[in-house]
Amino acid sequence: MTASLARAVTVTESDDGPYAQLVTVGPHVISADEDETFGGRDSRPSPYEFLMAGLGACTAMTLRLYATPTWLAIAKDVRRAAPREDAIGRR
């Protein structure tokens, strides 16, 4: 397996609401939208939720990277991310 290189990311409006976006990362296509509180339709994860998911995945992968060679047992799932209102003080 070869090392993954950074892939192009494109973001375009999806015409499915005022904030809905289509995000293409290499061969992958994901969608984003804003919460109704912020003027969106809440039809997809928000950019904030994608950010939290990315940080969570990166943290979990890093823990696994360091735990595996040392045979350190770590939990398969950890659930806790600051809700958006906690992070930005709105709602």
PDB file of N, CA and C in Angstrom:
ATOM      1  N   MET A   1       0.839  -1.171   0.000  1.00  0.00           N
ATOM      2  CA  MET A   1       0.000   0.000   0.000  1.00  0.00           C
ATOM      3  C   MET A   1       0.887   1.237   0.000  1.00  0.00           C
ATOM      4  N   THR A   2       0.541   2.214  -0.816  1.00  0.00           N
ATOM      5  CA  THR A   2       1.341   3.427  -0.896  1.00  0.00           C
ATOM      6  C   THR A   2       0.762   4.505   0.008  1.00  0.00           C
ATOM      7  N   ALA A   3       1.596   5.456   0.364  1.00  0.00           N
ATOM      8  CA  ALA A   3       1.153   6.557   1.209  1.00  0.00           C
ATOM      9  C   ALA A   3       0.142   7.410   0.445  1.00  0.00           C
ATOM     10  N   SER A   4      -0.876   7.881   1.159  1.00  0.00           N
ATOM     11  CA  SER A   4      -1.907   8.715   0.554  1.00  0.00           C
ATOM     12  C   SER A   4      -1.405  10.144   0.409  1.00  0.00           C
ATOM     13  N   LEU A   5      -1.576  10.697  -0.769  1.00  0.00           N
ATOM     14  CA  LEU A   5      -1.215  12.085  -1.002  1.00  0.00           C
ATOM     15  C   LEU A   5      -2.456  12.952  -0.789  1.00  0.00           C
ATOM     16  N   ALA A   6      -2.254  14.219  -0.509  1.00  0.00           N
ATOM     17  CA  ALA A   6      -3.379  15.131  -0.357  1.00  0.00           C
ATOM     18  C   ALA A   6      -4.169  15.163  -1.660  1.00  0.00           C
ATOM     19  N   ARG A   7      -5.490  15.108  -1.547  1.00  0.00           N
ATOM     20  CA  ARG A   7      -6.351  15.119  -2.726  1.00  0.00           C
ATOM     21  C   ARG A   7      -7.036  16.474  -2.853  1.00  0.00           C
ATOM     22  N   ALA A   8      -7.420  16.791  -4.052  1.00  0.00           N
ATOM     23  CA  ALA A   8      -8.129  18.048  -4.295  1.00  0.00           C
ATOM     24  C   ALA A   8      -9.494  18.021  -3.612  1.00  0.00           C
ATOM     25  N   VAL A   9      -9.875  19.138  -3.053  1.00  0.00           N
ATOM     26  CA  VAL A   9     -11.177  19.301  -2.420  1.00  0.00           C
ATOM     27  C   VAL A   9     -11.923  20.395  -3.176  1.00  0.00           C
ATOM     28  N   THR A  10     -13.142  20.071  -3.613  1.00  0.00           N
ATOM     29  CA  THR A  10     -13.972  21.080  -4.275  1.00  0.00           C
ATOM     30  C   THR A  10     -15.280  21.219  -3.528  1.00  0.00           C
ATOM     31  N   VAL A  11     -15.754  22.429  -3.397  1.00  0.00           N
ATOM     32  CA  VAL A  11     -17.009  22.712  -2.714  1.00  0.00           C
ATOM     33  C   VAL A  11     -17.880  23.521  -3.677  1.00  0.00           C
ATOM     34  N   THR A  12     -19.095  23.025  -3.918  1.00  0.00           N
ATOM     35  CA  THR A  12     -20.030  23.720  -4.792  1.00  0.00           C
ATOM     36  C   THR A  12     -21.407  23.762  -4.152  1.00  0.00           C
ATOM     37  N   GLU A  13     -22.169  24.793  -4.463  1.00  0.00           N
ATOM     38  CA  GLU A  13     -23.533  24.874  -3.942  1.00  0.00           C
ATOM     39  C   GLU A  13     -24.368  23.770  -4.560  1.00  0.00           C
ATOM     40  N   SER A  14     -25.277  23.184  -3.767  1.00  0.00           N
ATOM     41  CA  SER A  14     -26.067  22.067  -4.268  1.00  0.00           C
ATOM     42  C   SER A  14     -27.466  22.474  -4.706  1.00  0.00           C
ATOM     43  N   ASP A  15     -27.839  23.734  -4.552  1.00  0.00           N
ATOM     44  CA  ASP A  15     -29.186  24.218  -4.914  1.00  0.00           C
ATOM     45  C   ASP A  15     -30.277  23.487  -4.131  1.00  0.00           C
ATOM     46  N   ASP A  16     -29.966  22.997  -2.950  1.00  0.00           N
ATOM     47  CA  ASP A  16     -30.940  22.313  -2.103  1.00  0.00           C
ATOM     48  C   ASP A  16     -31.070  23.062  -0.784  1.00  0.00           C
ATOM     49  N   GLY A  17     -31.212  24.354  -0.856  1.00  0.00           N
ATOM     50  CA  GLY A  17     -31.309  25.185   0.339  1.00  0.00           C
ATOM     51  C   GLY A  17     -30.277  26.288   0.275  1.00  0.00           C
ATOM     52  N   PRO A  18     -30.425  27.270   1.140  1.00  0.00           N
ATOM     53  CA  PRO A  18     -29.535  28.430   1.063  1.00  0.00           C
ATOM     54  C   PRO A  18     -28.076  28.139   1.388  1.00  0.00           C
ATOM     55  N   TYR A  19     -27.805  27.100   2.184  1.00  0.00           N
ATOM     56  CA  TYR A  19     -26.426  26.824   2.585  1.00  0.00           C
ATOM     57  C   TYR A  19     -25.931  25.441   2.197  1.00  0.00           C
ATOM     58  N   ALA A  20     -26.756  24.631   1.569  1.00  0.00           N
ATOM     59  CA  ALA A  20     -26.375  23.260   1.224  1.00  0.00           C
ATOM     60  C   ALA A  20     -25.220  23.258   0.224  1.00  0.00           C
ATOM     61  N   GLN A  21     -24.252  22.388   0.473  1.00  0.00           N
ATOM     62  CA  GLN A  21     -23.042  22.309  -0.347  1.00  0.00           C
ATOM     63  C   GLN A  21     -22.733  20.857  -0.687  1.00  0.00           C
ATOM     64  N   LEU A  22     -22.136  20.648  -1.843  1.00  0.00           N
ATOM     65  CA  LEU A  22     -21.573  19.351  -2.206  1.00  0.00           C
ATOM     66  C   LEU A  22     -20.068  19.478  -2.092  1.00  0.00           C
ATOM     67  N   VAL A  23     -19.454  18.552  -1.379  1.00  0.00           N
ATOM     68  CA  VAL A  23     -18.011  18.575  -1.161  1.00  0.00           C
ATOM     69  C   VAL A  23     -17.432  17.324  -1.804  1.00  0.00           C
ATOM     70  N   THR A  24     -16.480  17.508  -2.701  1.00  0.00           N
ATOM     71  CA  THR A  24     -15.824  16.395  -3.365  1.00  0.00           C
ATOM     72  C   THR A  24     -14.381  16.337  -2.901  1.00  0.00           C
ATOM     73  N   VAL A  25     -13.988  15.161  -2.417  1.00  0.00           N
ATOM     74  CA  VAL A  25     -12.607  14.924  -1.988  1.00  0.00           C
ATOM     75  C   VAL A  25     -12.126  13.701  -2.754  1.00  0.00           C
ATOM     76  N   GLY A  26     -11.302  13.942  -3.760  1.00  0.00           N
ATOM     77  CA  GLY A  26     -10.898  12.837  -4.614  1.00  0.00           C
ATOM     78  C   GLY A  26     -12.142  12.175  -5.180  1.00  0.00           C
ATOM     79  N   PRO A  27     -12.312  10.846  -5.028  1.00  0.00           N
ATOM     80  CA  PRO A  27     -13.483  10.163  -5.563  1.00  0.00           C
ATOM     81  C   PRO A  27     -14.712  10.219  -4.646  1.00  0.00           C
ATOM     82  N   HIS A  28     -14.582  10.815  -3.481  1.00  0.00           N
ATOM     83  CA  HIS A  28     -15.666  10.826  -2.492  1.00  0.00           C
ATOM     84  C   HIS A  28     -16.496  12.100  -2.592  1.00  0.00           C
ATOM     85  N   VAL A  29     -17.821  11.952  -2.450  1.00  0.00           N
ATOM     86  CA  VAL A  29     -18.712  13.108  -2.460  1.00  0.00           C
ATOM     87  C   VAL A  29     -19.522  13.084  -1.166  1.00  0.00           C
ATOM     88  N   ILE A  30     -19.469  14.176  -0.443  1.00  0.00           N
ATOM     89  CA  ILE A  30     -20.247  14.318   0.791  1.00  0.00           C
ATOM     90  C   ILE A  30     -21.027  15.620   0.694  1.00  0.00           C
ATOM     91  N   SER A  31     -22.031  15.770   1.516  1.00  0.00           N
ATOM     92  CA  SER A  31     -22.860  16.964   1.501  1.00  0.00           C
ATOM     93  C   SER A  31     -22.820  17.638   2.858  1.00  0.00           C
ATOM     94  N   ALA A  32     -23.006  18.936   2.849  1.00  0.00           N
ATOM     95  CA  ALA A  32     -23.034  19.712   4.090  1.00  0.00           C
ATOM     96  C   ALA A  32     -24.202  20.699   4.033  1.00  0.00           C
ATOM     97  N   ASP A  33     -24.709  21.052   5.195  1.00  0.00           N
ATOM     98  CA  ASP A  33     -25.778  22.044   5.308  1.00  0.00           C
ATOM     99  C   ASP A  33     -25.668  22.668   6.688  1.00  0.00           C
ATOM    100  N   GLU A  34     -26.327  23.767   6.878  1.00  0.00           N
ATOM    101  CA  GLU A  34     -26.357  24.409   8.190  1.00  0.00           C
ATOM    102  C   GLU A  34     -27.597  23.991   8.951  1.00  0.00           C
ATOM    103  N   ASP A  35     -27.530  24.083  10.249  1.00  0.00           N
ATOM    104  CA  ASP A  35     -28.636  23.849  11.150  1.00  0.00           C
ATOM    105  C   ASP A  35     -29.723  24.891  10.871  1.00  0.00           C
ATOM    106  N   GLU A  36     -30.981  24.539  11.156  1.00  0.00           N
ATOM    107  CA  GLU A  36     -32.079  25.490  10.959  1.00  0.00           C
ATOM    108  C   GLU A  36     -31.886  26.770  11.764  1.00  0.00           C
ATOM    109  N   THR A  37     -31.268  26.648  12.935  1.00  0.00           N
ATOM    110  CA  THR A  37     -30.998  27.814  13.769  1.00  0.00           C
ATOM    111  C   THR A  37     -30.134  28.834  13.044  1.00  0.00           C
ATOM    112  N   PHE A  38     -29.294  28.362  12.131  1.00  0.00           N
ATOM    113  CA  PHE A  38     -28.379  29.237  11.410  1.00  0.00           C
ATOM    114  C   PHE A  38     -28.841  29.487   9.979  1.00  0.00           C
ATOM    115  N   GLY A  39     -30.101  29.163   9.662  1.00  0.00           N
ATOM    116  CA  GLY A  39     -30.665  29.474   8.361  1.00  0.00           C
ATOM    117  C   GLY A  39     -30.654  28.356   7.341  1.00  0.00           C
ATOM    118  N   GLY A  40     -30.113  27.196   7.704  1.00  0.00           N
ATOM    119  CA  GLY A  40     -30.100  26.070   6.778  1.00  0.00           C
ATOM    120  C   GLY A  40     -31.332  25.204   6.949  1.00  0.00           C
ATOM    121  N   ARG A  41     -31.312  24.046   6.342  1.00  0.00           N
ATOM    122  CA  ARG A  41     -32.430  23.098   6.445  1.00  0.00           C
ATOM    123  C   ARG A  41     -32.097  21.907   7.342  1.00  0.00           C
ATOM    124  N   ASP A  42     -30.876  21.828   7.833  1.00  0.00           N
ATOM    125  CA  ASP A  42     -30.423  20.715   8.676  1.00  0.00           C
ATOM    126  C   ASP A  42     -30.628  19.373   7.968  1.00  0.00           C
ATOM    127  N   SER A  43     -30.392  19.366   6.652  1.00  0.00           N
ATOM    128  CA  SER A  43     -30.595  18.156   5.856  1.00  0.00           C
ATOM    129  C   SER A  43     -29.346  17.280   5.793  1.00  0.00           C
ATOM    130  N   ARG A  44     -28.219  17.819   6.259  1.00  0.00           N
ATOM    131  CA  ARG A  44     -26.944  17.110   6.228  1.00  0.00           C
ATOM    132  C   ARG A  44     -26.112  17.584   7.414  1.00  0.00           C
ATOM    133  N   PRO A  45     -25.001  16.932   7.690  1.00  0.00           N
ATOM    134  CA  PRO A  45     -24.131  17.437   8.750  1.00  0.00           C
ATOM    135  C   PRO A  45     -23.645  18.851   8.416  1.00  0.00           C
ATOM    136  N   SER A  46     -23.470  19.654   9.456  1.00  0.00           N
ATOM    137  CA  SER A  46     -22.973  21.018   9.260  1.00  0.00           C
ATOM    138  C   SER A  46     -21.453  21.006   9.142  1.00  0.00           C
ATOM    139  N   PRO A  47     -20.869  22.088   8.642  1.00  0.00           N
ATOM    140  CA  PRO A  47     -19.408  22.159   8.611  1.00  0.00           C
ATOM    141  C   PRO A  47     -18.798  21.959  10.005  1.00  0.00           C
ATOM    142  N   TYR A  48     -19.446  22.501  11.022  1.00  0.00           N
ATOM    143  CA  TYR A  48     -18.959  22.307  12.394  1.00  0.00           C
ATOM    144  C   TYR A  48     -18.953  20.827  12.760  1.00  0.00           C
ATOM    145  N   GLU A  49     -20.017  20.105  12.389  1.00  0.00           N
ATOM    146  CA  GLU A  49     -20.083  18.672  12.697  1.00  0.00           C
ATOM    147  C   GLU A  49     -19.017  17.894  11.929  1.00  0.00           C
ATOM    148  N   PHE A  50     -18.755  18.292  10.677  1.00  0.00           N
ATOM    149  CA  PHE A  50     -17.664  17.659   9.935  1.00  0.00           C
ATOM    150  C   PHE A  50     -16.321  17.941  10.595  1.00  0.00           C
ATOM    151  N   LEU A  51     -16.140  19.148  11.087  1.00  0.00           N
ATOM    152  CA  LEU A  51     -14.894  19.489  11.785  1.00  0.00           C
ATOM    153  C   LEU A  51     -14.723  18.618  13.023  1.00  0.00           C
ATOM    154  N   MET A  52     -15.786  18.485  13.823  1.00  0.00           N
ATOM    155  CA  MET A  52     -15.718  17.657  15.028  1.00  0.00           C
ATOM    156  C   MET A  52     -15.465  16.193  14.664  1.00  0.00           C
ATOM    157  N   ALA A  53     -16.095  15.721  13.587  1.00  0.00           N
ATOM    158  CA  ALA A  53     -15.878  14.338  13.142  1.00  0.00           C
ATOM    159  C   ALA A  53     -14.431  14.136  12.704  1.00  0.00           C
ATOM    160  N   GLY A  54     -13.888  15.110  11.976  1.00  0.00           N
ATOM    161  CA  GLY A  54     -12.501  15.018  11.521  1.00  0.00           C
ATOM    162  C   GLY A  54     -11.522  15.011  12.676  1.00  0.00           C
ATOM    163  N   LEU A  55     -11.755  15.878  13.651  1.00  0.00           N
ATOM    164  CA  LEU A  55     -10.877  15.911  14.827  1.00  0.00           C
ATOM    165  C   LEU A  55     -10.984  14.621  15.632  1.00  0.00           C
ATOM    166  N   GLY A  56     -12.212  14.115  15.761  1.00  0.00           N
ATOM    167  CA  GLY A  56     -12.407  12.861  16.486  1.00  0.00           C
ATOM    168  C   GLY A  56     -11.735  11.685  15.786  1.00  0.00           C
ATOM    169  N   ALA A  57     -11.895  11.611  14.463  1.00  0.00           N
ATOM    170  CA  ALA A  57     -11.272  10.528  13.698  1.00  0.00           C
ATOM    171  C   ALA A  57      -9.750  10.627  13.763  1.00  0.00           C
ATOM    172  N   CYS A  58      -9.223  11.832  13.636  1.00  0.00           N
ATOM    173  CA  CYS A  58      -7.770  12.027  13.692  1.00  0.00           C
ATOM    174  C   CYS A  58      -7.226  11.603  15.056  1.00  0.00           C
ATOM    175  N   THR A  59      -7.918  11.989  16.119  1.00  0.00           N
ATOM    176  CA  THR A  59      -7.491  11.624  17.474  1.00  0.00           C
ATOM    177  C   THR A  59      -7.511  10.107  17.647  1.00  0.00           C
ATOM    178  N   ALA A  60      -8.609   9.476  17.209  1.00  0.00           N
ATOM    179  CA  ALA A  60      -8.729   8.018  17.351  1.00  0.00           C
ATOM    180  C   ALA A  60      -7.649   7.290  16.548  1.00  0.00           C
ATOM    181  N   MET A  61      -7.385   7.762  15.330  1.00  0.00           N
ATOM    182  CA  MET A  61      -6.358   7.128  14.501  1.00  0.00           C
ATOM    183  C   MET A  61      -4.970   7.313  15.103  1.00  0.00           C
ATOM    184  N   THR A  62      -4.705   8.482  15.663  1.00  0.00           N
ATOM    185  CA  THR A  62      -3.413   8.733  16.298  1.00  0.00           C
ATOM    186  C   THR A  62      -3.230   7.837  17.520  1.00  0.00           C
ATOM    187  N   LEU A  63      -4.274   7.706  18.340  1.00  0.00           N
ATOM    188  CA  LEU A  63      -4.199   6.811  19.496  1.00  0.00           C
ATOM    189  C   LEU A  63      -3.927   5.377  19.052  1.00  0.00           C
ATOM    190  N   ARG A  64      -4.634   4.945  18.009  1.00  0.00           N
ATOM    191  CA  ARG A  64      -4.435   3.589  17.495  1.00  0.00           C
ATOM    192  C   ARG A  64      -3.014   3.423  16.975  1.00  0.00           C
ATOM    193  N   LEU A  65      -2.507   4.429  16.289  1.00  0.00           N
ATOM    194  CA  LEU A  65      -1.152   4.382  15.734  1.00  0.00           C
ATOM    195  C   LEU A  65      -0.118   4.145  16.831  1.00  0.00           C
ATOM    196  N   TYR A  66      -0.278   4.837  17.948  1.00  0.00           N
ATOM    197  CA  TYR A  66       0.685   4.689  19.047  1.00  0.00           C
ATOM    198  C   TYR A  66       0.402   3.478  19.924  1.00  0.00           C
ATOM    199  N   ALA A  67      -0.865   3.058  20.016  1.00  0.00           N
ATOM    200  CA  ALA A  67      -1.217   1.936  20.890  1.00  0.00           C
ATOM    201  C   ALA A  67      -0.864   0.583  20.277  1.00  0.00           C
ATOM    202  N   THR A  68      -1.027   0.437  18.990  1.00  0.00           N
ATOM    203  CA  THR A  68      -0.840  -0.862  18.336  1.00  0.00           C
ATOM    204  C   THR A  68       0.557  -1.448  18.548  1.00  0.00           C
ATOM    205  N   PRO A  69       1.646  -0.709  18.300  1.00  0.00           N
ATOM    206  CA  PRO A  69       2.966  -1.328  18.479  1.00  0.00           C
ATOM    207  C   PRO A  69       3.286  -1.661  19.936  1.00  0.00           C
ATOM    208  N   THR A  70       2.620  -1.015  20.876  1.00  0.00           N
ATOM    209  CA  THR A  70       2.919  -1.254  22.291  1.00  0.00           C
ATOM    210  C   THR A  70       1.941  -2.234  22.929  1.00  0.00           C
ATOM    211  N   TRP A  71       1.001  -2.747  22.140  1.00  0.00           N
ATOM    212  CA  TRP A  71      -0.035  -3.655  22.636  1.00  0.00           C
ATOM    213  C   TRP A  71      -0.902  -3.009  23.705  1.00  0.00           C
ATOM    214  N   LEU A  72      -0.975  -1.713  23.698  1.00  0.00           N
ATOM    215  CA  LEU A  72      -1.808  -0.984  24.650  1.00  0.00           C
ATOM    216  C   LEU A  72      -3.270  -1.122  24.240  1.00  0.00           C
ATOM    217  N   ALA A  73      -4.103  -1.550  25.165  1.00  0.00           N
ATOM    218  CA  ALA A  73      -5.527  -1.706  24.862  1.00  0.00           C
ATOM    219  C   ALA A  73      -6.222  -0.348  24.955  1.00  0.00           C
ATOM    220  N   ILE A  74      -6.963  -0.015  23.913  1.00  0.00           N
ATOM    221  CA  ILE A  74      -7.750   1.214  23.945  1.00  0.00           C
ATOM    222  C   ILE A  74      -9.179   0.891  23.543  1.00  0.00           C
ATOM    223  N   ALA A  75     -10.106   1.717  23.969  1.00  0.00           N
ATOM    224  CA  ALA A  75     -11.525   1.502  23.667  1.00  0.00           C
ATOM    225  C   ALA A  75     -11.778   1.644  22.172  1.00  0.00           C
ATOM    226  N   LYS A  76     -12.765   0.899  21.685  1.00  0.00           N
ATOM    227  CA  LYS A  76     -13.119   0.977  20.270  1.00  0.00           C
ATOM    228  C   LYS A  76     -13.891   2.252  19.945  1.00  0.00           C
ATOM    229  N   ASP A  77     -14.664   2.749  20.884  1.00  0.00           N
ATOM    230  CA  ASP A  77     -15.404   3.978  20.600  1.00  0.00           C
ATOM    231  C   ASP A  77     -15.397   4.920  21.795  1.00  0.00           C
ATOM    232  N   VAL A  78     -15.243   6.156  21.496  1.00  0.00           N
ATOM    233  CA  VAL A  78     -15.284   7.214  22.498  1.00  0.00           C
ATOM    234  C   VAL A  78     -16.241   8.253  21.959  1.00  0.00           C
ATOM    235  N   ARG A  79     -17.241   8.620  22.758  1.00  0.00           N
ATOM    236  CA  ARG A  79     -18.244   9.552  22.271  1.00  0.00           C
ATOM    237  C   ARG A  79     -18.321  10.780  23.160  1.00  0.00           C
ATOM    238  N   ARG A  80     -17.869  11.871  22.652  1.00  0.00           N
ATOM    239  CA  ARG A  80     -18.119  13.154  23.301  1.00  0.00           C
ATOM    240  C   ARG A  80     -17.482  14.247  22.487  1.00  0.00           C
ATOM    241  N   ALA A  81     -18.299  15.083  22.001  1.00  0.00           N
ATOM    242  CA  ALA A  81     -17.826  16.277  21.309  1.00  0.00           C
ATOM    243  C   ALA A  81     -18.670  17.425  21.830  1.00  0.00           C
ATOM    244  N   ALA A  82     -18.090  18.571  21.943  1.00  0.00           N
ATOM    245  CA  ALA A  82     -18.823  19.728  22.440  1.00  0.00           C
ATOM    246  C   ALA A  82     -19.953  20.063  21.481  1.00  0.00           C
ATOM    247  N   PRO A  83     -21.182  20.122  21.986  1.00  0.00           N
ATOM    248  CA  PRO A  83     -22.266  20.569  21.100  1.00  0.00           C
ATOM    249  C   PRO A  83     -21.976  21.973  20.598  1.00  0.00           C
ATOM    250  N   ARG A  84     -22.495  22.286  19.466  1.00  0.00           N
ATOM    251  CA  ARG A  84     -22.212  23.569  18.841  1.00  0.00           C
ATOM    252  C   ARG A  84     -22.515  24.750  19.769  1.00  0.00           C
ATOM    253  N   GLU A  85     -23.608  24.669  20.503  1.00  0.00           N
ATOM    254  CA  GLU A  85     -23.959  25.790  21.371  1.00  0.00           C
ATOM    255  C   GLU A  85     -22.935  25.993  22.487  1.00  0.00           C
ATOM    256  N   ASP A  86     -22.302  24.899  22.941  1.00  0.00           N
ATOM    257  CA  ASP A  86     -21.243  25.014  23.943  1.00  0.00           C
ATOM    258  C   ASP A  86     -20.003  25.685  23.341  1.00  0.00           C
ATOM    259  N   ALA A  87     -19.730  25.373  22.100  1.00  0.00           N
ATOM    260  CA  ALA A  87     -18.531  25.858  21.456  1.00  0.00           C
ATOM    261  C   ALA A  87     -18.611  27.325  21.071  1.00  0.00           C
ATOM    262  N   ILE A  88     -19.802  27.774  20.650  1.00  0.00           N
ATOM    263  CA  ILE A  88     -19.885  29.154  20.193  1.00  0.00           C
ATOM    264  C   ILE A  88     -20.832  30.009  21.028  1.00  0.00           C
ATOM    265  N   GLY A  89     -21.468  29.407  22.018  1.00  0.00           N
ATOM    266  CA  GLY A  89     -22.303  30.168  22.944  1.00  0.00           C
ATOM    267  C   GLY A  89     -23.588  30.708  22.360  1.00  0.00           C
ATOM    268  N   ARG A  90     -24.150  30.043  21.356  1.00  0.00           N
ATOM    269  CA  ARG A  90     -25.408  30.492  20.754  1.00  0.00           C
ATOM    270  C   ARG A  90     -26.517  29.520  21.072  1.00  0.00           C
ATOM    271  N   ARG A  91     -27.740  29.902  20.714  1.00  0.00           N
ATOM    272  CA  ARG A  91     -28.979  29.139  20.817  1.00  0.00           C
ATOM    273  C   ARG A  91     -29.740  29.519  22.013  1.00  0.00           C
TER     274      ARG A  91
END
